[in-house]
Full PDB file with SEQRES, HELIX, SHEET, SSBOND, CRYST1, ORIGX, SCALE, CONECT and MASTER records, all heavy atoms in Angstrom:
SEQRES   1 A   28  ASN ALA LYS ILE VAL LEU LEU SER ILE PHE PRO ARG SER          
SEQRES   2 A   28  GLU LYS PRO ASP ASP LYS MET ARG VAL ARG ASN SER GLU          
SEQRES   3 A   28  ILE ASN                                                      
HELIX    1 AA1 LYS A   19  ILE A   27  1                                   9    
CRYST1    1.000    1.000    1.000  90.00  90.00  90.00 P 1           1          
ORIGX1      1.000000  0.000000  0.000000        0.00000                         
ORIGX2      0.000000  1.000000  0.000000        0.00000                         
ORIGX3      0.000000  0.000000  1.000000        0.00000                         
SCALE1      1.000000  0.000000  0.000000        0.00000                         
SCALE2      0.000000  1.000000  0.000000        0.00000                         
SCALE3      0.000000  0.000000  1.000000        0.00000                         
ATOM      1  N   ASN A   1     120.965 106.075 111.151  1.00  0.00           N  
ATOM      2  CA  ASN A   1     121.628 104.862 111.635  1.00  0.00           C  
ATOM      3  C   ASN A   1     120.687 103.679 111.763  1.00  0.00           C  
ATOM      4  O   ASN A   1     121.128 102.557 112.035  1.00  0.00           O  
ATOM      5  CB  ASN A   1     122.288 105.132 112.988  1.00  0.00           C  
ATOM      6  CG  ASN A   1     123.399 106.158 112.887  1.00  0.00           C  
ATOM      7  OD1 ASN A   1     124.143 106.177 111.908  1.00  0.00           O  
ATOM      8  ND2 ASN A   1     123.511 107.037 113.874  1.00  0.00           N  
ATOM      9  N   ALA A   2     119.402 103.910 111.603  1.00  0.00           N  
ATOM     10  CA  ALA A   2     118.421 102.833 111.749  1.00  0.00           C  
ATOM     11  C   ALA A   2     118.212 102.114 110.419  1.00  0.00           C  
ATOM     12  O   ALA A   2     118.179 102.738 109.361  1.00  0.00           O  
ATOM     13  CB  ALA A   2     117.099 103.387 112.259  1.00  0.00           C  
ATOM     14  N   LYS A   3     118.050 100.801 110.491  1.00  0.00           N  
ATOM     15  CA  LYS A   3     117.671 100.024 109.321  1.00  0.00           C  
ATOM     16  C   LYS A   3     116.147 100.045 109.196  1.00  0.00           C  
ATOM     17  O   LYS A   3     115.430 100.266 110.160  1.00  0.00           O  
ATOM     18  CB  LYS A   3     118.162  98.574 109.452  1.00  0.00           C  
ATOM     19  CG  LYS A   3     119.649  98.446 109.737  1.00  0.00           C  
ATOM     20  CD  LYS A   3     120.502  99.015 108.607  1.00  0.00           C  
ATOM     21  CE  LYS A   3     121.990  98.777 108.883  1.00  0.00           C  
ATOM     22  NZ  LYS A   3     122.842  99.358 107.834  1.00  0.00           N  
ATOM     23  N   ILE A   4     115.667  99.794 107.992  1.00  0.00           N  
ATOM     24  CA  ILE A   4     114.227  99.788 107.751  1.00  0.00           C  
ATOM     25  C   ILE A   4     113.852  98.471 107.079  1.00  0.00           C  
ATOM     26  O   ILE A   4     114.423  98.107 106.045  1.00  0.00           O  
ATOM     27  CB  ILE A   4     113.798 100.955 106.848  1.00  0.00           C  
ATOM     28  CG1 ILE A   4     114.197 102.294 107.466  1.00  0.00           C  
ATOM     29  CG2 ILE A   4     112.276 100.912 106.626  1.00  0.00           C  
ATOM     30  CD1 ILE A   4     114.006 103.475 106.528  1.00  0.00           C  
ATOM     31  N   VAL A   5     112.900  97.787 107.688  1.00  0.00           N  
ATOM     32  CA  VAL A   5     112.316  96.609 107.054  1.00  0.00           C  
ATOM     33  C   VAL A   5     111.022  97.072 106.388  1.00  0.00           C  
ATOM     34  O   VAL A   5     110.054  97.441 107.062  1.00  0.00           O  
ATOM     35  CB  VAL A   5     112.025  95.493 108.068  1.00  0.00           C  
ATOM     36  CG1 VAL A   5     111.420  94.283 107.358  1.00  0.00           C  
ATOM     37  CG2 VAL A   5     113.288  95.095 108.818  1.00  0.00           C  
ATOM     38  N   LEU A   6     111.018  97.078 105.081  1.00  0.00           N  
ATOM     39  CA  LEU A   6     109.865  97.530 104.313  1.00  0.00           C  
ATOM     40  C   LEU A   6     109.058  96.309 103.890  1.00  0.00           C  
ATOM     41  O   LEU A   6     109.511  95.494 103.087  1.00  0.00           O  
ATOM     42  CB  LEU A   6     110.327  98.320 103.085  1.00  0.00           C  
ATOM     43  CG  LEU A   6     109.236  98.723 102.093  1.00  0.00           C  
ATOM     44  CD1 LEU A   6     108.215  99.645 102.744  1.00  0.00           C  
ATOM     45  CD2 LEU A   6     109.851  99.392 100.869  1.00  0.00           C  
ATOM     46  N   LEU A   7     107.857  96.203 104.440  1.00  0.00           N  
ATOM     47  CA  LEU A   7     106.992  95.077 104.134  1.00  0.00           C  
ATOM     48  C   LEU A   7     106.096  95.385 102.940  1.00  0.00           C  
ATOM     49  O   LEU A   7     105.575  96.505 102.813  1.00  0.00           O  
ATOM     50  CB  LEU A   7     106.106  94.751 105.333  1.00  0.00           C  
ATOM     51  CG  LEU A   7     106.778  93.999 106.487  1.00  0.00           C  
ATOM     52  CD1 LEU A   7     106.038  94.243 107.777  1.00  0.00           C  
ATOM     53  CD2 LEU A   7     106.817  92.505 106.183  1.00  0.00           C  
ATOM     54  N   SER A   8     105.903  94.388 102.084  1.00  0.00           N  
ATOM     55  CA  SER A   8     104.850  94.510 101.087  1.00  0.00           C  
ATOM     56  C   SER A   8     103.512  94.633 101.802  1.00  0.00           C  
ATOM     57  O   SER A   8     103.316  94.071 102.890  1.00  0.00           O  
ATOM     58  CB  SER A   8     104.834  93.277 100.179  1.00  0.00           C  
ATOM     59  OG  SER A   8     105.920  93.288  99.290  1.00  0.00           O  
ATOM     60  N   ILE A   9     102.588  95.374 101.198  1.00  0.00           N  
ATOM     61  CA  ILE A   9     101.258  95.502 101.781  1.00  0.00           C  
ATOM     62  C   ILE A   9     100.601  94.128 101.773  1.00  0.00           C  
ATOM     63  O   ILE A   9     100.647  93.403 100.771  1.00  0.00           O  
ATOM     64  CB  ILE A   9     100.405  96.494 100.979  1.00  0.00           C  
ATOM     65  CG1 ILE A   9     101.109  97.849 100.881  1.00  0.00           C  
ATOM     66  CG2 ILE A   9      99.029  96.665 101.613  1.00  0.00           C  
ATOM     67  CD1 ILE A   9     100.432  98.804  99.918  1.00  0.00           C  
ATOM     68  N   PHE A  10      99.987  93.751 102.884  1.00  0.00           N  
ATOM     69  CA  PHE A  10      99.347  92.447 102.974  1.00  0.00           C  
ATOM     70  C   PHE A  10      98.215  92.331 101.946  1.00  0.00           C  
ATOM     71  O   PHE A  10      97.577  93.330 101.587  1.00  0.00           O  
ATOM     72  CB  PHE A  10      98.785  92.226 104.376  1.00  0.00           C  
ATOM     73  CG  PHE A  10      99.823  91.915 105.418  1.00  0.00           C  
ATOM     74  CD1 PHE A  10      99.447  91.711 106.733  1.00  0.00           C  
ATOM     75  CD2 PHE A  10     101.167  91.808 105.102  1.00  0.00           C  
ATOM     76  CE1 PHE A  10     100.379  91.427 107.711  1.00  0.00           C  
ATOM     77  CE2 PHE A  10     102.113  91.525 106.062  1.00  0.00           C  
ATOM     78  CZ  PHE A  10     101.721  91.335 107.380  1.00  0.00           C  
ATOM     79  N   PRO A  11      97.940  91.111 101.511  1.00  0.00           N  
ATOM     80  CA  PRO A  11      96.838  90.925 100.567  1.00  0.00           C  
ATOM     81  C   PRO A  11      95.494  91.279 101.213  1.00  0.00           C  
ATOM     82  O   PRO A  11      95.311  91.102 102.414  1.00  0.00           O  
ATOM     83  CB  PRO A  11      96.908  89.438 100.219  1.00  0.00           C  
ATOM     84  CG  PRO A  11      97.614  88.810 101.378  1.00  0.00           C  
ATOM     85  CD  PRO A  11      98.593  89.845 101.869  1.00  0.00           C  
ATOM     86  N   ARG A  12      94.589  91.808 100.424  1.00  0.00           N  
ATOM     87  CA  ARG A  12      93.245  92.113 100.899  1.00  0.00           C  
ATOM     88  C   ARG A  12      92.245  91.579  99.866  1.00  0.00           C  
ATOM     89  O   ARG A  12      92.602  91.341  98.717  1.00  0.00           O  
ATOM     90  CB  ARG A  12      93.043  93.605 101.120  1.00  0.00           C  
ATOM     91  CG  ARG A  12      93.145  94.468  99.892  1.00  0.00           C  
ATOM     92  CD  ARG A  12      92.917  95.924 100.229  1.00  0.00           C  
ATOM     93  NE  ARG A  12      91.592  96.147 100.779  1.00  0.00           N  
ATOM     94  CZ  ARG A  12      91.257  97.214 101.525  1.00  0.00           C  
ATOM     95  NH1 ARG A  12      92.165  98.142 101.787  1.00  0.00           N  
ATOM     96  NH2 ARG A  12      90.039  97.360 101.988  1.00  0.00           N  
ATOM     97  N   SER A  13      91.018  91.379 100.293  1.00  0.00           N  
ATOM     98  CA  SER A  13      89.945  90.830  99.468  1.00  0.00           C  
ATOM     99  C   SER A  13      90.157  89.315  99.274  1.00  0.00           C  
ATOM    100  O   SER A  13      91.287  88.831  99.226  1.00  0.00           O  
ATOM    101  CB  SER A  13      89.846  91.516  98.110  1.00  0.00           C  
ATOM    102  OG  SER A  13      89.774  92.923  98.274  1.00  0.00           O  
ATOM    103  N   GLU A  14      89.069  88.617  99.165  1.00  0.00           N  
ATOM    104  CA  GLU A  14      89.148  87.152  99.119  1.00  0.00           C  
ATOM    105  C   GLU A  14      89.776  86.641  97.834  1.00  0.00           C  
ATOM    106  O   GLU A  14      90.644  85.767  97.848  1.00  0.00           O  
ATOM    107  CB  GLU A  14      87.746  86.570  99.287  1.00  0.00           C  
ATOM    108  CG  GLU A  14      87.727  85.051  99.308  1.00  0.00           C  
ATOM    109  CD  GLU A  14      86.328  84.486  99.472  1.00  0.00           C  
ATOM    110  OE1 GLU A  14      85.353  85.250  99.334  1.00  0.00           O  
ATOM    111  OE2 GLU A  14      86.216  83.272  99.731  1.00  0.00           O  
ATOM    112  N   LYS A  15      89.375  87.181  96.693  1.00  0.00           N  
ATOM    113  CA  LYS A  15      89.788  86.652  95.394  1.00  0.00           C  
ATOM    114  C   LYS A  15      91.023  87.389  94.855  1.00  0.00           C  
ATOM    115  O   LYS A  15      91.162  88.601  95.034  1.00  0.00           O  
ATOM    116  CB  LYS A  15      88.652  86.811  94.383  1.00  0.00           C  
ATOM    117  CG  LYS A  15      87.331  86.244  94.858  1.00  0.00           C  
ATOM    118  CD  LYS A  15      87.259  84.771  94.633  1.00  0.00           C  
ATOM    119  CE  LYS A  15      85.846  84.273  94.973  1.00  0.00           C  
ATOM    120  NZ  LYS A  15      85.806  82.801  95.042  1.00  0.00           N  
ATOM    121  N   PRO A  16      91.891  86.660  94.177  1.00  0.00           N  
ATOM    122  CA  PRO A  16      93.110  87.304  93.653  1.00  0.00           C  
ATOM    123  C   PRO A  16      92.852  88.333  92.571  1.00  0.00           C  
ATOM    124  O   PRO A  16      93.692  89.213  92.346  1.00  0.00           O  
ATOM    125  CB  PRO A  16      93.927  86.124  93.111  1.00  0.00           C  
ATOM    126  CG  PRO A  16      92.946  85.030  92.898  1.00  0.00           C  
ATOM    127  CD  PRO A  16      91.875  85.208  93.921  1.00  0.00           C  
ATOM    128  N   ASP A  17      91.688  88.245  91.885  1.00  0.00           N  
ATOM    129  CA  ASP A  17      91.415  89.201  90.822  1.00  0.00           C  
ATOM    130  C   ASP A  17      90.589  90.391  91.287  1.00  0.00           C  
ATOM    131  O   ASP A  17      90.188  91.233  90.463  1.00  0.00           O  
ATOM    132  CB  ASP A  17      90.712  88.516  89.648  1.00  0.00           C  
ATOM    133  CG  ASP A  17      89.387  87.870  90.055  1.00  0.00           C  
ATOM    134  OD1 ASP A  17      89.092  87.833  91.270  1.00  0.00           O  
ATOM    135  OD2 ASP A  17      88.664  87.392  89.157  1.00  0.00           O  
ATOM    136  N   ASP A  18      90.319  90.497  92.594  1.00  0.00           N  
ATOM    137  CA  ASP A  18      89.606  91.667  93.100  1.00  0.00           C  
ATOM    138  C   ASP A  18      90.441  92.914  92.835  1.00  0.00           C  
ATOM    139  O   ASP A  18      91.669  92.904  92.977  1.00  0.00           O  
ATOM    140  CB  ASP A  18      89.344  91.521  94.596  1.00  0.00           C  
ATOM    141  CG  ASP A  18      88.609  92.720  95.183  1.00  0.00           C  
ATOM    142  OD1 ASP A  18      87.378  92.726  95.180  1.00  0.00           O  
ATOM    143  OD2 ASP A  18      89.306  93.662  95.636  1.00  0.00           O  
ATOM    144  N   LYS A  19      89.762  93.999  92.466  1.00  0.00           N  
ATOM    145  CA  LYS A  19      90.487  95.204  92.050  1.00  0.00           C  
ATOM    146  C   LYS A  19      91.376  95.766  93.161  1.00  0.00           C  
ATOM    147  O   LYS A  19      92.445  96.326  92.880  1.00  0.00           O  
ATOM    148  CB  LYS A  19      89.520  96.263  91.550  1.00  0.00           C  
ATOM    149  CG  LYS A  19      88.545  96.797  92.586  1.00  0.00           C  
ATOM    150  CD  LYS A  19      87.629  97.863  91.987  1.00  0.00           C  
ATOM    151  CE  LYS A  19      86.690  98.437  93.035  1.00  0.00           C  
ATOM    152  NZ  LYS A  19      85.799  99.492  92.463  1.00  0.00           N  
ATOM    153  N   MET A  20      90.956  95.620  94.425  1.00  0.00           N  
ATOM    154  CA  MET A  20      91.794  96.150  95.513  1.00  0.00           C  
ATOM    155  C   MET A  20      93.028  95.279  95.729  1.00  0.00           C  
ATOM    156  O   MET A  20      94.109  95.794  96.018  1.00  0.00           O  
ATOM    157  CB  MET A  20      90.987  96.273  96.792  1.00  0.00           C  
ATOM    158  CG  MET A  20      89.929  97.356  96.749  1.00  0.00           C  
ATOM    159  SD  MET A  20      89.233  97.695  98.366  1.00  0.00           S  
ATOM    160  CE  MET A  20      87.984  98.913  97.933  1.00  0.00           C  
ATOM    161  N   ARG A  21      92.872  93.958  95.593  1.00  0.00           N  
ATOM    162  CA  ARG A  21      94.038  93.066  95.688  1.00  0.00           C  
ATOM    163  C   ARG A  21      95.010  93.384  94.560  1.00  0.00           C  
ATOM    164  O   ARG A  21      96.231  93.450  94.771  1.00  0.00           O  
ATOM    165  CB  ARG A  21      93.577  91.614  95.601  1.00  0.00           C  
ATOM    166  CG  ARG A  21      94.747  90.611  95.535  1.00  0.00           C  
ATOM    167  CD  ARG A  21      95.193  90.139  96.893  1.00  0.00           C  
ATOM    168  NE  ARG A  21      94.236  89.243  97.468  1.00  0.00           N  
ATOM    169  CZ  ARG A  21      94.177  87.913  97.271  1.00  0.00           C  
ATOM    170  NH1 ARG A  21      95.059  87.326  96.491  1.00  0.00           N  
ATOM    171  NH2 ARG A  21      93.271  87.177  97.873  1.00  0.00           N  
ATOM    172  N   VAL A  22      94.472  93.572  93.383  1.00  0.00           N  
ATOM    173  CA  VAL A  22      95.324  93.881  92.231  1.00  0.00           C  
ATOM    174  C   VAL A  22      96.071  95.193  92.451  1.00  0.00           C  
ATOM    175  O   VAL A  22      97.271  95.295  92.182  1.00  0.00           O  
ATOM    176  CB  VAL A  22      94.482  93.933  90.939  1.00  0.00           C  
ATOM    177  CG1 VAL A  22      95.328  94.453  89.773  1.00  0.00           C  
ATOM    178  CG2 VAL A  22      93.916  92.561  90.615  1.00  0.00           C  
ATOM    179  N   ARG A  23      95.356  96.187  92.976  1.00  0.00           N  
ATOM    180  CA  ARG A  23      96.004  97.482  93.194  1.00  0.00           C  
ATOM    181  C   ARG A  23      97.126  97.363  94.222  1.00  0.00           C  
ATOM    182  O   ARG A  23      98.217  97.928  94.042  1.00  0.00           O  
ATOM    183  CB  ARG A  23      94.967  98.516  93.639  1.00  0.00           C  
ATOM    184  CG  ARG A  23      95.526  99.924  93.927  1.00  0.00           C  
ATOM    185  CD  ARG A  23      96.302 100.531  92.753  1.00  0.00           C  
ATOM    186  NE  ARG A  23      95.600 100.423  91.496  1.00  0.00           N  
ATOM    187  CZ  ARG A  23      94.679 101.277  91.067  1.00  0.00           C  
ATOM    188  NH1 ARG A  23      94.337 102.315  91.803  1.00  0.00           N  
ATOM    189  NH2 ARG A  23      94.099 101.102  89.890  1.00  0.00           N  
ATOM    190  N   ASN A  24      96.878  96.641  95.324  1.00  0.00           N  
ATOM    191  CA  ASN A  24      97.946  96.459  96.315  1.00  0.00           C  
ATOM    192  C   ASN A  24      99.144  95.741  95.715  1.00  0.00           C  
ATOM    193  O   ASN A  24     100.300  96.056  96.027  1.00  0.00           O  
ATOM    194  CB  ASN A  24      97.417  95.692  97.524  1.00  0.00           C  
ATOM    195  CG  ASN A  24      96.708  96.585  98.529  1.00  0.00           C  
ATOM    196  OD1 ASN A  24      96.577  97.786  98.315  1.00  0.00           O  
ATOM    197  ND2 ASN A  24      96.251  96.002  99.624  1.00  0.00           N  
ATOM    198  N   SER A  25      98.886  94.774  94.831  1.00  0.00           N  
ATOM    199  CA  SER A  25      99.999  94.074  94.175  1.00  0.00           C  
ATOM    200  C   SER A  25     100.799  95.029  93.296  1.00  0.00           C  
ATOM    201  O   SER A  25     102.039  94.946  93.230  1.00  0.00           O  
ATOM    202  CB  SER A  25      99.455  92.909  93.337  1.00  0.00           C  
ATOM    203  OG  SER A  25      98.841  91.940  94.162  1.00  0.00           O  
ATOM    204  N   GLU A  26     100.107  95.927  92.626  1.00  0.00           N  
ATOM    205  CA  GLU A  26     100.792  96.923  91.797  1.00  0.00           C  
ATOM    206  C   GLU A  26     101.660  97.844  92.656  1.00  0.00           C  
ATOM    207  O   GLU A  26     102.778  98.214  92.253  1.00  0.00           O  
ATOM    208  CB  GLU A  26      99.764  97.746  91.028  1.00  0.00           C  
ATOM    209  CG  GLU A  26      99.006  96.956  89.968  1.00  0.00           C  
ATOM    210  CD  GLU A  26      97.825  97.722  89.394  1.00  0.00           C  
ATOM    211  OE1 GLU A  26      97.443  98.771  89.976  1.00  0.00           O  
ATOM    212  OE2 GLU A  26      97.275  97.278  88.374  1.00  0.00           O  
ATOM    213  N   ILE A  27     101.149  98.212  93.818  1.00  0.00           N  
ATOM    214  CA  ILE A  27     101.943  99.038  94.741  1.00  0.00           C  
ATOM    215  C   ILE A  27     103.175  98.275  95.183  1.00  0.00           C  
ATOM    216  O   ILE A  27     104.306  98.804  95.199  1.00  0.00           O  
ATOM    217  CB  ILE A  27     101.095  99.445  95.963  1.00  0.00           C  
ATOM    218  CG1 ILE A  27      99.913 100.323  95.545  1.00  0.00           C  
ATOM    219  CG2 ILE A  27     101.955 100.180  96.992  1.00  0.00           C  
ATOM    220  CD1 ILE A  27      98.866 100.493  96.635  1.00  0.00           C  
ATOM    221  N   ASN A  28     102.989  97.005  95.530  1.00  0.00           N  
ATOM    222  CA  ASN A  28     104.112  96.197  96.016  1.00  0.00           C  
ATOM    223  C   ASN A  28     105.201  96.046  94.968  1.00  0.00           C  
ATOM    224  O   ASN A  28     106.395  96.029  95.299  1.00  0.00           O  
ATOM    225  CB  ASN A  28     103.605  94.822  96.467  1.00  0.00           C  
ATOM    226  CG  ASN A  28     102.817  94.888  97.761  1.00  0.00           C  
ATOM    227  OD1 ASN A  28     102.993  95.824  98.548  1.00  0.00           O  
ATOM    228  ND2 ASN A  28     101.948  93.917  97.992  1.00  0.00           N  
TER     229      ASN A  28                                                      
MASTER        0    0    0    1    0    0    0    6  228    1    0    3          
END                                                                             
């Protein structure tokens, strides 16, 4: 009966092309 708000993972690492930022974007 509960609703779920599923948040995208917040951005990490300073630069948009950092491999961890890219990986989180792929997950999202």
